[in-house]
ModelCIF file with pLDDT and N, C-alpha, C, O atoms, coordinates in Angstrom:
data_MODEL
#
_entry.id   MODEL 
#
_entity.id                         1 
_entity.type                       polymer 
_entity.pdbx_number_of_molecules   1 
#
_entity_poly.entity_id                      1 
_entity_poly.type                           'polypeptide(L)' 
_entity_poly.nstd_linkage                   no 
_entity_poly.nstd_monomer                   no 
_entity_poly.pdbx_seq_one_letter_code       VGIHGLENPVTHQKDANYAASVYLGDLLVTCYSLHSRNRTFGNMIGK 
_entity_poly.pdbx_seq_one_letter_code_can   VGIHGLENPVTHQKDANYAASVYLGDLLVTCYSLHSRNRTFGNMIGK 
_entity_poly.pdbx_strand_id                 A 
#
loop_
_entity_poly_seq.entity_id 
_entity_poly_seq.num 
_entity_poly_seq.mon_id 
_entity_poly_seq.hetero 
1 1  VAL n 
1 2  GLY n 
1 3  ILE n 
1 4  HIS n 
1 5  GLY n 
1 6  LEU n 
1 7  GLU n 
1 8  ASN n 
1 9  PRO n 
1 10 VAL n 
1 11 THR n 
1 12 HIS n 
1 13 GLN n 
1 14 LYS n 
1 15 ASP n 
1 16 ALA n 
1 17 ASN n 
1 18 TYR n 
1 19 ALA n 
1 20 ALA n 
1 21 SER n 
1 22 VAL n 
1 23 TYR n 
1 24 LEU n 
1 25 GLY n 
1 26 ASP n 
1 27 LEU n 
1 28 LEU n 
1 29 VAL n 
1 30 THR n 
1 31 CYS n 
1 32 TYR n 
1 33 SER n 
1 34 LEU n 
1 35 HIS n 
1 36 SER n 
1 37 ARG n 
1 38 ASN n 
1 39 ARG n 
1 40 THR n 
1 41 PHE n 
1 42 GLY n 
1 43 ASN n 
1 44 MET n 
1 45 ILE n 
1 46 GLY n 
1 47 LYS n 
#
_struct_asym.id          A 
_struct_asym.entity_id   1 
#
loop_
_ma_qa_metric.id 
_ma_qa_metric.mode 
_ma_qa_metric.name 
_ma_qa_metric.software_group_id 
_ma_qa_metric.type 
1 global pLDDT . pLDDT 
2 local  pLDDT . pLDDT 
#
_ma_qa_metric_global.metric_id      1 
_ma_qa_metric_global.metric_value   86.74 
_ma_qa_metric_global.model_id       1 
_ma_qa_metric_global.ordinal_id     1 
#
loop_
_ma_qa_metric_local.label_asym_id 
_ma_qa_metric_local.label_comp_id 
_ma_qa_metric_local.label_seq_id 
_ma_qa_metric_local.metric_id 
_ma_qa_metric_local.metric_value 
_ma_qa_metric_local.model_id 
_ma_qa_metric_local.ordinal_id 
A VAL 1  2 84.00 1 1  
A GLY 2  2 78.00 1 2  
A ILE 3  2 79.00 1 3  
A HIS 4  2 77.00 1 4  
A GLY 5  2 74.00 1 5  
A LEU 6  2 73.00 1 6  
A GLU 7  2 75.00 1 7  
A ASN 8  2 71.00 1 8  
A PRO 9  2 73.00 1 9  
A VAL 10 2 68.00 1 10 
A THR 11 2 69.00 1 11 
A HIS 12 2 73.00 1 12 
A GLN 13 2 74.00 1 13 
A LYS 14 2 78.00 1 14 
A ASP 15 2 78.00 1 15 
A ALA 16 2 78.00 1 16 
A ASN 17 2 80.00 1 17 
A TYR 18 2 84.00 1 18 
A ALA 19 2 82.00 1 19 
A ALA 20 2 83.00 1 20 
A SER 21 2 87.00 1 21 
A VAL 22 2 90.00 1 22 
A TYR 23 2 92.00 1 23 
A LEU 24 2 94.00 1 24 
A GLY 25 2 93.00 1 25 
A ASP 26 2 95.00 1 26 
A LEU 27 2 96.00 1 27 
A LEU 28 2 96.00 1 28 
A VAL 29 2 95.00 1 29 
A THR 30 2 95.00 1 30 
A CYS 31 2 96.00 1 31 
A TYR 32 2 95.00 1 32 
A SER 33 2 93.00 1 33 
A LEU 34 2 90.00 1 34 
A HIS 35 2 91.00 1 35 
A SER 36 2 92.00 1 36 
A ARG 37 2 92.00 1 37 
A ASN 38 2 95.00 1 38 
A ARG 39 2 96.00 1 39 
A THR 40 2 96.00 1 40 
A PHE 41 2 96.00 1 41 
A GLY 42 2 97.00 1 42 
A ASN 43 2 97.00 1 43 
A MET 44 2 96.00 1 44 
A ILE 45 2 97.00 1 45 
A GLY 46 2 97.00 1 46 
A LYS 47 2 97.00 1 47 
#
loop_
_atom_site.group_PDB 
_atom_site.id 
_atom_site.type_symbol 
_atom_site.label_atom_id 
_atom_site.label_alt_id 
_atom_site.label_comp_id 
_atom_site.label_asym_id 
_atom_site.label_entity_id 
_atom_site.label_seq_id 
_atom_site.pdbx_PDB_ins_code 
_atom_site.Cartn_x 
_atom_site.Cartn_y 
_atom_site.Cartn_z 
_atom_site.occupancy 
_atom_site.B_iso_or_equiv 
_atom_site.pdbx_formal_charge 
_atom_site.auth_seq_id 
_atom_site.auth_comp_id 
_atom_site.auth_asym_id 
_atom_site.auth_atom_id 
_atom_site.pdbx_PDB_model_num 
ATOM 1   N N  . VAL A 1 1  ? 139.855 35.988 83.076 1.00 84.00 ? 1  VAL A N  1 
ATOM 2   C CA . VAL A 1 1  ? 139.787 37.219 83.065 1.00 84.00 ? 1  VAL A CA 1 
ATOM 3   C C  . VAL A 1 1  ? 140.284 38.056 84.255 1.00 84.00 ? 1  VAL A C  1 
ATOM 4   O O  . VAL A 1 1  ? 139.802 37.905 85.377 1.00 84.00 ? 1  VAL A O  1 
ATOM 5   N N  . GLY A 1 2  ? 141.137 38.833 84.022 1.00 78.00 ? 2  GLY A N  1 
ATOM 6   C CA . GLY A 1 2  ? 141.655 39.985 84.963 1.00 78.00 ? 2  GLY A CA 1 
ATOM 7   C C  . GLY A 1 2  ? 143.066 39.238 85.616 1.00 78.00 ? 2  GLY A C  1 
ATOM 8   O O  . GLY A 1 2  ? 143.620 39.784 86.570 1.00 78.00 ? 2  GLY A O  1 
ATOM 9   N N  . ILE A 1 3  ? 143.468 38.296 85.195 1.00 79.00 ? 3  ILE A N  1 
ATOM 10  C CA . ILE A 1 3  ? 144.922 37.557 85.662 1.00 79.00 ? 3  ILE A CA 1 
ATOM 11  C C  . ILE A 1 3  ? 145.598 37.673 84.347 1.00 79.00 ? 3  ILE A C  1 
ATOM 12  O O  . ILE A 1 3  ? 145.100 37.390 83.257 1.00 79.00 ? 3  ILE A O  1 
ATOM 13  N N  . HIS A 1 4  ? 146.830 38.136 84.584 1.00 77.00 ? 4  HIS A N  1 
ATOM 14  C CA . HIS A 1 4  ? 147.836 38.313 83.611 1.00 77.00 ? 4  HIS A CA 1 
ATOM 15  C C  . HIS A 1 4  ? 149.218 37.630 84.085 1.00 77.00 ? 4  HIS A C  1 
ATOM 16  O O  . HIS A 1 4  ? 149.349 37.710 85.307 1.00 77.00 ? 4  HIS A O  1 
ATOM 17  N N  . GLY A 1 5  ? 150.166 37.049 83.499 1.00 74.00 ? 5  GLY A N  1 
ATOM 18  C CA . GLY A 1 5  ? 151.421 36.835 83.830 1.00 74.00 ? 5  GLY A CA 1 
ATOM 19  C C  . GLY A 1 5  ? 152.443 38.042 83.869 1.00 74.00 ? 5  GLY A C  1 
ATOM 20  O O  . GLY A 1 5  ? 152.075 39.196 84.086 1.00 74.00 ? 5  GLY A O  1 
ATOM 21  N N  . LEU A 1 6  ? 153.655 37.707 83.659 1.00 73.00 ? 6  LEU A N  1 
ATOM 22  C CA . LEU A 1 6  ? 154.547 38.680 83.513 1.00 73.00 ? 6  LEU A CA 1 
ATOM 23  C C  . LEU A 1 6  ? 154.462 39.609 82.161 1.00 73.00 ? 6  LEU A C  1 
ATOM 24  O O  . LEU A 1 6  ? 154.200 39.137 81.055 1.00 73.00 ? 6  LEU A O  1 
ATOM 25  N N  . GLU A 1 7  ? 154.719 40.984 82.410 1.00 75.00 ? 7  GLU A N  1 
ATOM 26  C CA . GLU A 1 7  ? 154.679 41.665 81.118 1.00 75.00 ? 7  GLU A CA 1 
ATOM 27  C C  . GLU A 1 7  ? 155.836 41.314 80.314 1.00 75.00 ? 7  GLU A C  1 
ATOM 28  O O  . GLU A 1 7  ? 156.824 40.822 80.860 1.00 75.00 ? 7  GLU A O  1 
ATOM 29  N N  . ASN A 1 8  ? 155.795 41.541 78.962 1.00 71.00 ? 8  ASN A N  1 
ATOM 30  C CA . ASN A 1 8  ? 156.712 41.236 78.030 1.00 71.00 ? 8  ASN A CA 1 
ATOM 31  C C  . ASN A 1 8  ? 157.824 42.576 78.013 1.00 71.00 ? 8  ASN A C  1 
ATOM 32  O O  . ASN A 1 8  ? 157.586 43.722 77.633 1.00 71.00 ? 8  ASN A O  1 
ATOM 33  N N  . PRO A 1 9  ? 159.036 42.051 78.525 1.00 73.00 ? 9  PRO A N  1 
ATOM 34  C CA . PRO A 1 9  ? 160.166 43.151 78.680 1.00 73.00 ? 9  PRO A CA 1 
ATOM 35  C C  . PRO A 1 9  ? 160.159 43.934 77.537 1.00 73.00 ? 9  PRO A C  1 
ATOM 36  O O  . PRO A 1 9  ? 160.346 45.143 77.674 1.00 73.00 ? 9  PRO A O  1 
ATOM 37  N N  . VAL A 1 10 ? 159.933 43.350 76.156 1.00 68.00 ? 10 VAL A N  1 
ATOM 38  C CA . VAL A 1 10 ? 160.332 44.054 74.880 1.00 68.00 ? 10 VAL A CA 1 
ATOM 39  C C  . VAL A 1 10 ? 159.113 44.917 74.517 1.00 68.00 ? 10 VAL A C  1 
ATOM 40  O O  . VAL A 1 10 ? 159.082 46.146 74.470 1.00 68.00 ? 10 VAL A O  1 
ATOM 41  N N  . THR A 1 11 ? 158.290 44.204 74.312 1.00 69.00 ? 11 THR A N  1 
ATOM 42  C CA . THR A 1 11 ? 156.715 45.097 73.970 1.00 69.00 ? 11 THR A CA 1 
ATOM 43  C C  . THR A 1 11 ? 156.114 45.568 75.186 1.00 69.00 ? 11 THR A C  1 
ATOM 44  O O  . THR A 1 11 ? 155.275 46.459 75.054 1.00 69.00 ? 11 THR A O  1 
ATOM 45  N N  . HIS A 1 12 ? 156.351 45.187 76.256 1.00 73.00 ? 12 HIS A N  1 
ATOM 46  C CA . HIS A 1 12 ? 155.462 45.836 77.258 1.00 73.00 ? 12 HIS A CA 1 
ATOM 47  C C  . HIS A 1 12 ? 154.026 45.632 77.316 1.00 73.00 ? 12 HIS A C  1 
ATOM 48  O O  . HIS A 1 12 ? 153.262 46.385 77.920 1.00 73.00 ? 12 HIS A O  1 
ATOM 49  N N  . GLN A 1 13 ? 153.612 44.399 76.552 1.00 74.00 ? 13 GLN A N  1 
ATOM 50  C CA . GLN A 1 13 ? 152.454 43.986 76.709 1.00 74.00 ? 13 GLN A CA 1 
ATOM 51  C C  . GLN A 1 13 ? 152.216 42.664 77.759 1.00 74.00 ? 13 GLN A C  1 
ATOM 52  O O  . GLN A 1 13 ? 153.027 41.752 77.916 1.00 74.00 ? 13 GLN A O  1 
ATOM 53  N N  . LYS A 1 14 ? 150.979 42.784 78.395 1.00 78.00 ? 14 LYS A N  1 
ATOM 54  C CA . LYS A 1 14 ? 150.582 41.819 79.310 1.00 78.00 ? 14 LYS A CA 1 
ATOM 55  C C  . LYS A 1 14 ? 150.450 40.436 78.511 1.00 78.00 ? 14 LYS A C  1 
ATOM 56  O O  . LYS A 1 14 ? 150.090 40.399 77.335 1.00 78.00 ? 14 LYS A O  1 
ATOM 57  N N  . ASP A 1 15 ? 150.780 39.289 79.277 1.00 78.00 ? 15 ASP A N  1 
ATOM 58  C CA . ASP A 1 15 ? 150.577 38.173 78.906 1.00 78.00 ? 15 ASP A CA 1 
ATOM 59  C C  . ASP A 1 15 ? 148.881 37.872 78.441 1.00 78.00 ? 15 ASP A C  1 
ATOM 60  O O  . ASP A 1 15 ? 148.020 38.137 79.280 1.00 78.00 ? 15 ASP A O  1 
ATOM 61  N N  . ALA A 1 16 ? 148.561 37.447 77.405 1.00 78.00 ? 16 ALA A N  1 
ATOM 62  C CA . ALA A 1 16 ? 147.202 37.424 76.911 1.00 78.00 ? 16 ALA A CA 1 
ATOM 63  C C  . ALA A 1 16 ? 146.297 36.598 78.021 1.00 78.00 ? 16 ALA A C  1 
ATOM 64  O O  . ALA A 1 16 ? 146.754 35.594 78.568 1.00 78.00 ? 16 ALA A O  1 
ATOM 65  N N  . ASN A 1 17 ? 145.266 36.994 78.245 1.00 80.00 ? 17 ASN A N  1 
ATOM 66  C CA . ASN A 1 17 ? 144.172 35.923 78.806 1.00 80.00 ? 17 ASN A CA 1 
ATOM 67  C C  . ASN A 1 17 ? 143.151 35.854 77.993 1.00 80.00 ? 17 ASN A C  1 
ATOM 68  O O  . ASN A 1 17 ? 143.258 36.167 76.807 1.00 80.00 ? 17 ASN A O  1 
ATOM 69  N N  . TYR A 1 18 ? 141.878 35.375 78.607 1.00 84.00 ? 18 TYR A N  1 
ATOM 70  C CA . TYR A 1 18 ? 140.468 35.003 77.909 1.00 84.00 ? 18 TYR A CA 1 
ATOM 71  C C  . TYR A 1 18 ? 139.906 36.591 77.448 1.00 84.00 ? 18 TYR A C  1 
ATOM 72  O O  . TYR A 1 18 ? 139.127 36.697 76.501 1.00 84.00 ? 18 TYR A O  1 
ATOM 73  N N  . ALA A 1 19 ? 140.285 37.548 78.057 1.00 82.00 ? 19 ALA A N  1 
ATOM 74  C CA . ALA A 1 19 ? 139.590 38.673 77.591 1.00 82.00 ? 19 ALA A CA 1 
ATOM 75  C C  . ALA A 1 19 ? 140.362 39.541 76.655 1.00 82.00 ? 19 ALA A C  1 
ATOM 76  O O  . ALA A 1 19 ? 140.115 40.714 76.377 1.00 82.00 ? 19 ALA A O  1 
ATOM 77  N N  . ALA A 1 20 ? 141.285 38.828 76.231 1.00 83.00 ? 20 ALA A N  1 
ATOM 78  C CA . ALA A 1 20 ? 142.398 39.353 74.964 1.00 83.00 ? 20 ALA A CA 1 
ATOM 79  C C  . ALA A 1 20 ? 141.784 39.235 73.696 1.00 83.00 ? 20 ALA A C  1 
ATOM 80  O O  . ALA A 1 20 ? 140.726 38.616 73.580 1.00 83.00 ? 20 ALA A O  1 
ATOM 81  N N  . SER A 1 21 ? 142.323 39.748 72.772 1.00 87.00 ? 21 SER A N  1 
ATOM 82  C CA . SER A 1 21 ? 141.719 40.002 71.303 1.00 87.00 ? 21 SER A CA 1 
ATOM 83  C C  . SER A 1 21 ? 141.357 38.516 70.796 1.00 87.00 ? 21 SER A C  1 
ATOM 84  O O  . SER A 1 21 ? 140.256 38.260 70.309 1.00 87.00 ? 21 SER A O  1 
ATOM 85  N N  . VAL A 1 22 ? 142.312 37.619 70.943 1.00 90.00 ? 22 VAL A N  1 
ATOM 86  C CA . VAL A 1 22 ? 142.128 36.490 69.973 1.00 90.00 ? 22 VAL A CA 1 
ATOM 87  C C  . VAL A 1 22 ? 141.199 35.562 70.362 1.00 90.00 ? 22 VAL A C  1 
ATOM 88  O O  . VAL A 1 22 ? 140.758 34.693 69.610 1.00 90.00 ? 22 VAL A O  1 
ATOM 89  N N  . TYR A 1 23 ? 140.856 35.725 71.612 1.00 92.00 ? 23 TYR A N  1 
ATOM 90  C CA . TYR A 1 23 ? 139.731 34.882 72.406 1.00 92.00 ? 23 TYR A CA 1 
ATOM 91  C C  . TYR A 1 23 ? 138.193 35.628 72.235 1.00 92.00 ? 23 TYR A C  1 
ATOM 92  O O  . TYR A 1 23 ? 137.344 35.577 71.345 1.00 92.00 ? 23 TYR A O  1 
ATOM 93  N N  . LEU A 1 24 ? 138.271 36.304 73.471 1.00 94.00 ? 24 LEU A N  1 
ATOM 94  C CA . LEU A 1 24 ? 136.891 37.333 73.302 1.00 94.00 ? 24 LEU A CA 1 
ATOM 95  C C  . LEU A 1 24 ? 136.765 38.139 72.302 1.00 94.00 ? 24 LEU A C  1 
ATOM 96  O O  . LEU A 1 24 ? 135.696 38.284 71.710 1.00 94.00 ? 24 LEU A O  1 
ATOM 97  N N  . GLY A 1 25 ? 137.942 38.811 71.972 1.00 93.00 ? 25 GLY A N  1 
ATOM 98  C CA . GLY A 1 25 ? 137.571 39.962 70.993 1.00 93.00 ? 25 GLY A CA 1 
ATOM 99  C C  . GLY A 1 25 ? 137.263 39.555 69.771 1.00 93.00 ? 25 GLY A C  1 
ATOM 100 O O  . GLY A 1 25 ? 136.488 40.298 69.168 1.00 93.00 ? 25 GLY A O  1 
ATOM 101 N N  . ASP A 1 26 ? 137.732 38.341 69.064 1.00 95.00 ? 26 ASP A N  1 
ATOM 102 C CA . ASP A 1 26 ? 137.412 37.705 67.935 1.00 95.00 ? 26 ASP A CA 1 
ATOM 103 C C  . ASP A 1 26 ? 135.980 37.172 68.067 1.00 95.00 ? 26 ASP A C  1 
ATOM 104 O O  . ASP A 1 26 ? 135.311 37.329 67.045 1.00 95.00 ? 26 ASP A O  1 
ATOM 105 N N  . LEU A 1 27 ? 135.377 36.594 69.065 1.00 96.00 ? 27 LEU A N  1 
ATOM 106 C CA . LEU A 1 27 ? 133.871 36.266 69.264 1.00 96.00 ? 27 LEU A CA 1 
ATOM 107 C C  . LEU A 1 27 ? 133.149 37.331 69.112 1.00 96.00 ? 27 LEU A C  1 
ATOM 108 O O  . LEU A 1 27 ? 132.111 37.221 68.459 1.00 96.00 ? 27 LEU A O  1 
ATOM 109 N N  . LEU A 1 28 ? 133.520 38.621 69.678 1.00 96.00 ? 28 LEU A N  1 
ATOM 110 C CA . LEU A 1 28 ? 132.429 39.549 69.742 1.00 96.00 ? 28 LEU A CA 1 
ATOM 111 C C  . LEU A 1 28 ? 132.525 40.349 68.175 1.00 96.00 ? 28 LEU A C  1 
ATOM 112 O O  . LEU A 1 28 ? 131.459 40.602 67.613 1.00 96.00 ? 28 LEU A O  1 
ATOM 113 N N  . VAL A 1 29 ? 133.677 40.683 67.586 1.00 95.00 ? 29 VAL A N  1 
ATOM 114 C CA . VAL A 1 29 ? 133.591 40.931 66.359 1.00 95.00 ? 29 VAL A CA 1 
ATOM 115 C C  . VAL A 1 29 ? 132.918 40.206 65.318 1.00 95.00 ? 29 VAL A C  1 
ATOM 116 O O  . VAL A 1 29 ? 132.309 40.763 64.404 1.00 95.00 ? 29 VAL A O  1 
ATOM 117 N N  . THR A 1 30 ? 133.035 38.905 65.462 1.00 95.00 ? 30 THR A N  1 
ATOM 118 C CA . THR A 1 30 ? 132.526 38.043 64.473 1.00 95.00 ? 30 THR A CA 1 
ATOM 119 C C  . THR A 1 30 ? 131.160 37.806 64.628 1.00 95.00 ? 30 THR A C  1 
ATOM 120 O O  . THR A 1 30 ? 130.554 37.492 63.603 1.00 95.00 ? 30 THR A O  1 
ATOM 121 N N  . CYS A 1 31 ? 130.380 37.904 65.932 1.00 96.00 ? 31 CYS A N  1 
ATOM 122 C CA . CYS A 1 31 ? 129.035 38.002 66.259 1.00 96.00 ? 31 CYS A CA 1 
ATOM 123 C C  . CYS A 1 31 ? 128.467 39.361 65.633 1.00 96.00 ? 31 CYS A C  1 
ATOM 124 O O  . CYS A 1 31 ? 127.447 39.370 64.943 1.00 96.00 ? 31 CYS A O  1 
ATOM 125 N N  . TYR A 1 32 ? 129.221 40.529 65.934 1.00 95.00 ? 32 TYR A N  1 
ATOM 126 C CA . TYR A 1 32 ? 128.590 41.802 65.538 1.00 95.00 ? 32 TYR A CA 1 
ATOM 127 C C  . TYR A 1 32 ? 128.670 42.331 64.331 1.00 95.00 ? 32 TYR A C  1 
ATOM 128 O O  . TYR A 1 32 ? 127.785 43.093 63.941 1.00 95.00 ? 32 TYR A O  1 
ATOM 129 N N  . SER A 1 33 ? 129.603 42.050 63.653 1.00 93.00 ? 33 SER A N  1 
ATOM 130 C CA . SER A 1 33 ? 130.067 43.009 62.658 1.00 93.00 ? 33 SER A CA 1 
ATOM 131 C C  . SER A 1 33 ? 129.356 42.579 61.098 1.00 93.00 ? 33 SER A C  1 
ATOM 132 O O  . SER A 1 33 ? 129.179 41.415 60.736 1.00 93.00 ? 33 SER A O  1 
ATOM 133 N N  . LEU A 1 34 ? 129.120 43.404 60.555 1.00 90.00 ? 34 LEU A N  1 
ATOM 134 C CA . LEU A 1 34 ? 128.376 43.216 59.275 1.00 90.00 ? 34 LEU A CA 1 
ATOM 135 C C  . LEU A 1 34 ? 129.357 42.718 58.254 1.00 90.00 ? 34 LEU A C  1 
ATOM 136 O O  . LEU A 1 34 ? 129.006 42.508 57.093 1.00 90.00 ? 34 LEU A O  1 
ATOM 137 N N  . HIS A 1 35 ? 130.546 42.534 58.666 1.00 91.00 ? 35 HIS A N  1 
ATOM 138 C CA . HIS A 1 35 ? 131.514 41.959 57.727 1.00 91.00 ? 35 HIS A CA 1 
ATOM 139 C C  . HIS A 1 35 ? 131.632 40.414 57.907 1.00 91.00 ? 35 HIS A C  1 
ATOM 140 O O  . HIS A 1 35 ? 132.150 39.658 57.086 1.00 91.00 ? 35 HIS A O  1 
ATOM 141 N N  . SER A 1 36 ? 131.153 40.105 58.936 1.00 92.00 ? 36 SER A N  1 
ATOM 142 C CA . SER A 1 36 ? 131.156 38.622 59.127 1.00 92.00 ? 36 SER A CA 1 
ATOM 143 C C  . SER A 1 36 ? 130.317 37.582 58.342 1.00 92.00 ? 36 SER A C  1 
ATOM 144 O O  . SER A 1 36 ? 129.090 37.621 58.423 1.00 92.00 ? 36 SER A O  1 
ATOM 145 N N  . ARG A 1 37 ? 130.832 36.825 57.724 1.00 92.00 ? 37 ARG A N  1 
ATOM 146 C CA . ARG A 1 37 ? 129.834 35.945 56.577 1.00 92.00 ? 37 ARG A CA 1 
ATOM 147 C C  . ARG A 1 37 ? 129.272 34.942 57.256 1.00 92.00 ? 37 ARG A C  1 
ATOM 148 O O  . ARG A 1 37 ? 128.285 34.383 56.778 1.00 92.00 ? 37 ARG A O  1 
ATOM 149 N N  . ASN A 1 38 ? 129.888 34.482 58.682 1.00 95.00 ? 38 ASN A N  1 
ATOM 150 C CA . ASN A 1 38 ? 128.990 33.698 59.465 1.00 95.00 ? 38 ASN A CA 1 
ATOM 151 C C  . ASN A 1 38 ? 127.711 34.215 59.872 1.00 95.00 ? 38 ASN A C  1 
ATOM 152 O O  . ASN A 1 38 ? 126.686 33.584 59.613 1.00 95.00 ? 38 ASN A O  1 
ATOM 153 N N  . ARG A 1 39 ? 127.682 35.532 60.612 1.00 96.00 ? 39 ARG A N  1 
ATOM 154 C CA . ARG A 1 39 ? 126.844 36.102 60.910 1.00 96.00 ? 39 ARG A CA 1 
ATOM 155 C C  . ARG A 1 39 ? 125.583 36.285 59.872 1.00 96.00 ? 39 ARG A C  1 
ATOM 156 O O  . ARG A 1 39 ? 124.397 36.047 60.100 1.00 96.00 ? 39 ARG A O  1 
ATOM 157 N N  . THR A 1 40 ? 126.209 36.795 58.622 1.00 96.00 ? 40 THR A N  1 
ATOM 158 C CA . THR A 1 40 ? 125.389 36.857 57.347 1.00 96.00 ? 40 THR A CA 1 
ATOM 159 C C  . THR A 1 40 ? 124.796 35.415 56.976 1.00 96.00 ? 40 THR A C  1 
ATOM 160 O O  . THR A 1 40 ? 123.665 35.231 56.526 1.00 96.00 ? 40 THR A O  1 
ATOM 161 N N  . PHE A 1 41 ? 125.631 34.548 57.206 1.00 96.00 ? 41 PHE A N  1 
ATOM 162 C CA . PHE A 1 41 ? 124.927 32.923 56.794 1.00 96.00 ? 41 PHE A CA 1 
ATOM 163 C C  . PHE A 1 41 ? 123.876 32.853 57.770 1.00 96.00 ? 41 PHE A C  1 
ATOM 164 O O  . PHE A 1 41 ? 122.761 32.607 57.309 1.00 96.00 ? 41 PHE A O  1 
ATOM 165 N N  . GLY A 1 42 ? 123.971 33.015 59.035 1.00 97.00 ? 42 GLY A N  1 
ATOM 166 C CA . GLY A 1 42 ? 122.902 32.775 59.961 1.00 97.00 ? 42 GLY A CA 1 
ATOM 167 C C  . GLY A 1 42 ? 121.785 33.620 60.148 1.00 97.00 ? 42 GLY A C  1 
ATOM 168 O O  . GLY A 1 42 ? 120.781 33.254 60.760 1.00 97.00 ? 42 GLY A O  1 
ATOM 169 N N  . ASN A 1 43 ? 121.942 34.868 59.583 1.00 97.00 ? 43 ASN A N  1 
ATOM 170 C CA . ASN A 1 43 ? 120.944 35.844 59.267 1.00 97.00 ? 43 ASN A CA 1 
ATOM 171 C C  . ASN A 1 43 ? 119.978 35.108 58.158 1.00 97.00 ? 43 ASN A C  1 
ATOM 172 O O  . ASN A 1 43 ? 118.755 35.220 58.231 1.00 97.00 ? 43 ASN A O  1 
ATOM 173 N N  . MET A 1 44 ? 120.548 34.440 57.251 1.00 96.00 ? 44 MET A N  1 
ATOM 174 C CA . MET A 1 44 ? 119.712 33.959 56.132 1.00 96.00 ? 44 MET A CA 1 
ATOM 175 C C  . MET A 1 44 ? 118.804 32.696 56.654 1.00 96.00 ? 44 MET A C  1 
ATOM 176 O O  . MET A 1 44 ? 117.650 32.423 56.323 1.00 96.00 ? 44 MET A O  1 
ATOM 177 N N  . ILE A 1 45 ? 119.603 32.057 57.502 1.00 97.00 ? 45 ILE A N  1 
ATOM 178 C CA . ILE A 1 45 ? 118.897 30.844 58.132 1.00 97.00 ? 45 ILE A CA 1 
ATOM 179 C C  . ILE A 1 45 ? 117.826 31.412 58.999 1.00 97.00 ? 45 ILE A C  1 
ATOM 180 O O  . ILE A 1 45 ? 116.746 30.827 58.921 1.00 97.00 ? 45 ILE A O  1 
ATOM 181 N N  . GLY A 1 46 ? 117.894 32.382 59.770 1.00 97.00 ? 46 GLY A N  1 
ATOM 182 C CA . GLY A 1 46 ? 116.830 32.887 60.677 1.00 97.00 ? 46 GLY A CA 1 
ATOM 183 C C  . GLY A 1 46 ? 115.623 33.306 59.917 1.00 97.00 ? 46 GLY A C  1 
ATOM 184 O O  . GLY A 1 46 ? 114.470 33.297 60.347 1.00 97.00 ? 46 GLY A O  1 
ATOM 185 N N  . LYS A 1 47 ? 116.043 33.694 58.678 1.00 97.00 ? 47 LYS A N  1 
ATOM 186 C CA . LYS A 1 47 ? 115.027 34.550 57.829 1.00 97.00 ? 47 LYS A CA 1 
ATOM 187 C C  . LYS A 1 47 ? 114.144 33.513 57.187 1.00 97.00 ? 47 LYS A C  1 
ATOM 188 O O  . LYS A 1 47 ? 113.226 33.858 56.443 1.00 97.00 ? 47 LYS A O  1 
#
């Protein structure tokens, strides 16, 4: 986290690291979102 490779010269995006959308971002939204079927399934188990 906080370390990136070279910027993409075409898109100007930084090289993805663990804080990027596909790693930490996807974890956060799947844990928090009411759209998440895994969260919904777990909620039922907890109840």
